Amino acid sequence: MPMLEELRRFFFMSIAMFFVLIIFGEMPDVHWIQFLYAFVAMFATVLAHNLLNSTLTVVIPDYKPAVSAVFRLLFFTSGVIINMDAKHLPFVLVTIIKMFPFYYVVESFRDALLYHSWFWDKASNAAFFWLLTLIMLMIGSMVHLRFRERFIDMV
């Protein structure tokens, strides 16, 4: 359960982030409650990715290095580092990146703590995110159940 083990770090870093926000004058308000929604969204999408990727890592030997490279690229292009609202970025590229589940999670945290807007103000984004996450959970579950009996043979 590496995902659960990393929660300790997440909570520690979240507490540190709250202190930094307060030090820089960002006072808590009712929108900060959405941090819990953003956390649930993050947990659901990471669970969906982990379920699918952990199964495929066992089934396909060279899958892990390829996924590591792709996720590293996705991290830097998911809006964490790059401002997706910049005018010089191609519209098609920005639209595709904004459909990534991790972009929605990052924006949910920003909306809760910095932008003071509610997640239901972007209802279409939320619906797309949860639909995509549920589809990934279903696909991951089906793939996992299909190969579960062969895991011992493959390891």
Protein backbone atom coordinates (compact mmCIF):
# COMPACT_ATOMS: atom_id res chain seq x y z
CA MET A 1 0.00 0.00 0.00
CA PRO A 2 2.52 2.66 -1.07
CA MET A 3 -0.38 5.01 -1.80
CA LEU A 4 -1.50 4.99 1.83
CA GLU A 5 2.09 5.34 3.05
CA GLU A 6 2.47 8.53 1.00
CA LEU A 7 -0.57 10.09 2.70
CA ARG A 8 1.62 10.90 5.69
CA ARG A 9 3.82 13.08 3.50
CA PHE A 10 0.82 14.64 1.82
CA PHE A 11 -0.75 15.64 5.13
CA PHE A 12 2.54 17.03 6.45
CA MET A 13 3.08 19.06 3.28
CA SER A 14 -0.55 20.24 3.37
CA ILE A 15 -0.15 21.54 6.91
CA ALA A 16 3.06 23.32 5.88
CA MET A 17 1.24 24.79 2.87
CA PHE A 18 -1.58 26.09 5.09
CA PHE A 19 0.99 27.85 7.29
CA VAL A 20 2.71 29.37 4.25
CA LEU A 21 -0.62 30.61 2.87
CA ILE A 22 -1.47 32.23 6.20
CA ILE A 23 1.99 33.81 6.48
CA PHE A 24 1.52 35.37 3.02
CA GLY A 25 -1.85 36.80 4.03
CA GLU A 26 -4.20 34.22 2.56
CA MET A 27 -6.64 33.85 5.45
CA PRO A 28 -8.85 30.74 5.80
CA ASP A 29 -12.39 31.10 4.55
CA VAL A 30 -15.32 28.84 3.73
CA HIS A 31 -13.78 27.84 0.37
CA TRP A 32 -10.99 26.01 2.19
CA ILE A 33 -13.53 23.28 2.98
CA GLN A 34 -13.18 22.29 -0.67
CA PHE A 35 -9.72 21.01 0.19
CA LEU A 36 -11.54 17.85 1.31
CA TYR A 37 -13.27 17.57 -2.08
CA ALA A 38 -9.95 18.07 -3.88
CA PHE A 39 -8.38 15.41 -1.65
CA VAL A 40 -11.15 12.90 -2.49
CA ALA A 41 -10.76 13.71 -6.19
CA MET A 42 -6.99 13.25 -5.93
CA PHE A 43 -7.35 9.97 -4.05
CA ALA A 44 -9.88 8.60 -6.56
CA THR A 45 -7.82 9.43 -9.63
CA VAL A 46 -4.58 8.13 -8.09
CA LEU A 47 -6.37 4.93 -7.07
CA ALA A 48 -7.70 4.49 -10.61
CA HIS A 49 -4.25 5.07 -12.13
CA ASN A 50 -2.56 2.78 -9.60
CA LEU A 51 -5.04 -0.05 -10.14
CA LEU A 52 -4.55 -0.01 -13.89
CA ASN A 53 -0.81 0.68 -13.90
CA SER A 54 0.10 -1.84 -11.20
CA THR A 55 -1.66 -4.59 -13.13
CA LEU A 56 -0.07 -3.62 -16.45
CA THR A 57 3.38 -3.37 -14.81
CA VAL A 58 3.17 -7.03 -13.83
CA VAL A 59 1.74 -8.16 -17.18
CA ILE A 60 4.04 -6.08 -19.44
CA PRO A 61 7.68 -6.09 -18.27
CA ASP A 62 8.78 -2.85 -20.03
CA TYR A 63 5.67 -0.93 -19.04
CA LYS A 64 7.03 0.66 -15.84
CA PRO A 65 9.93 2.66 -17.40
CA ALA A 66 7.66 3.88 -20.20
CA VAL A 67 4.94 4.98 -17.78
CA SER A 68 7.50 6.68 -15.53
CA ALA A 69 8.72 8.76 -18.48
CA VAL A 70 5.18 9.62 -19.57
CA PHE A 71 4.10 10.62 -16.06
CA ARG A 72 7.20 12.77 -15.62
CA LEU A 73 6.29 14.57 -18.84
CA LEU A 74 2.64 14.87 -17.77
CA PHE A 75 3.68 16.36 -14.42
CA PHE A 76 5.54 19.21 -16.07
CA THR A 77 2.78 19.83 -18.61
CA SER A 78 -0.20 19.42 -16.24
CA GLY A 79 -0.36 23.01 -15.14
CA VAL A 80 1.79 22.59 -12.05
CA ILE A 81 4.77 24.32 -13.65
CA ILE A 82 3.33 25.85 -16.83
CA ASN A 83 0.55 28.44 -16.79
CA MET A 84 -2.12 26.86 -18.99
CA ASP A 85 -3.88 30.21 -19.43
CA ALA A 86 -0.89 31.80 -21.17
CA LYS A 87 -1.78 33.21 -24.58
CA HIS A 88 1.25 31.79 -26.43
CA LEU A 89 0.29 28.12 -25.96
CA PRO A 90 -1.58 26.35 -28.77
CA PHE A 91 -5.31 26.08 -28.04
CA VAL A 92 -5.50 22.39 -29.00
CA LEU A 93 -2.61 21.47 -26.70
CA VAL A 94 -4.08 23.43 -23.79
CA THR A 95 -7.49 21.80 -24.33
CA ILE A 96 -5.96 18.31 -24.29
CA ILE A 97 -3.89 19.02 -21.17
CA LYS A 98 -6.92 20.44 -19.36
CA MET A 99 -8.67 17.09 -19.88
CA PHE A 100 -6.03 15.25 -17.82
CA PRO A 101 -7.38 14.22 -14.42
CA PHE A 102 -4.29 15.57 -12.65
CA TYR A 103 -4.92 19.03 -14.08
CA TYR A 104 -8.42 18.99 -12.60
CA VAL A 105 -7.06 17.93 -9.20
CA VAL A 106 -4.42 20.68 -9.19
CA GLU A 107 -7.02 23.25 -10.20
CA SER A 108 -9.38 21.98 -7.48
CA PHE A 109 -6.75 22.61 -4.84
CA ARG A 110 -6.03 26.05 -6.32
CA ASP A 111 -9.73 26.92 -6.47
CA ALA A 112 -10.18 25.96 -2.83
CA LEU A 113 -7.13 27.68 -1.37
CA LEU A 114 -6.19 30.51 -3.73
CA TYR A 115 -8.97 31.42 -6.15
CA HIS A 116 -11.90 31.10 -3.70
CA SER A 117 -14.27 29.56 -6.23
CA TRP A 118 -16.53 26.56 -5.80
CA PHE A 119 -16.02 23.35 -7.73
CA TRP A 120 -19.64 23.35 -8.90
CA ASP A 121 -18.94 26.60 -10.73
CA LYS A 122 -17.11 24.38 -13.22
CA ALA A 123 -19.70 21.60 -13.25
CA SER A 124 -18.85 20.37 -16.75
CA ASN A 125 -15.18 19.93 -15.77
CA ALA A 126 -16.22 18.04 -12.63
CA ALA A 127 -18.58 15.79 -14.57
CA PHE A 128 -15.90 15.01 -17.16
CA PHE A 129 -13.31 14.32 -14.43
CA TRP A 130 -15.55 11.96 -12.44
CA LEU A 131 -16.73 10.16 -15.59
CA LEU A 132 -13.13 9.66 -16.72
CA THR A 133 -12.07 8.53 -13.23
CA LEU A 134 -14.94 6.03 -13.03
CA ILE A 135 -14.09 4.67 -16.48
CA MET A 136 -10.44 4.28 -15.43
CA LEU A 137 -11.55 2.51 -12.23
CA MET A 138 -13.76 0.13 -14.21
CA ILE A 139 -11.07 -0.62 -16.79
CA GLY A 140 -8.45 -1.06 -14.07
CA SER A 141 -10.74 -3.39 -12.14
CA MET A 142 -11.54 -5.47 -15.22
CA VAL A 143 -7.87 -5.77 -16.20
CA HIS A 144 -6.91 -6.62 -12.62
CA LEU A 145 -9.60 -9.30 -12.29
CA ARG A 146 -8.68 -10.76 -15.67
CA PHE A 147 -4.99 -11.24 -14.79
CA ARG A 148 -5.27 -11.83 -11.03
CA GLU A 149 -4.89 -15.60 -11.22
CA ARG A 150 -1.75 -15.28 -13.37
CA PHE A 151 0.09 -12.74 -11.15
CA ILE A 152 2.07 -15.41 -9.30
CA ASP A 153 3.19 -16.96 -12.60
CA MET A 154 4.27 -13.57 -13.96
CA VAL A 155 6.26 -12.35 -10.98
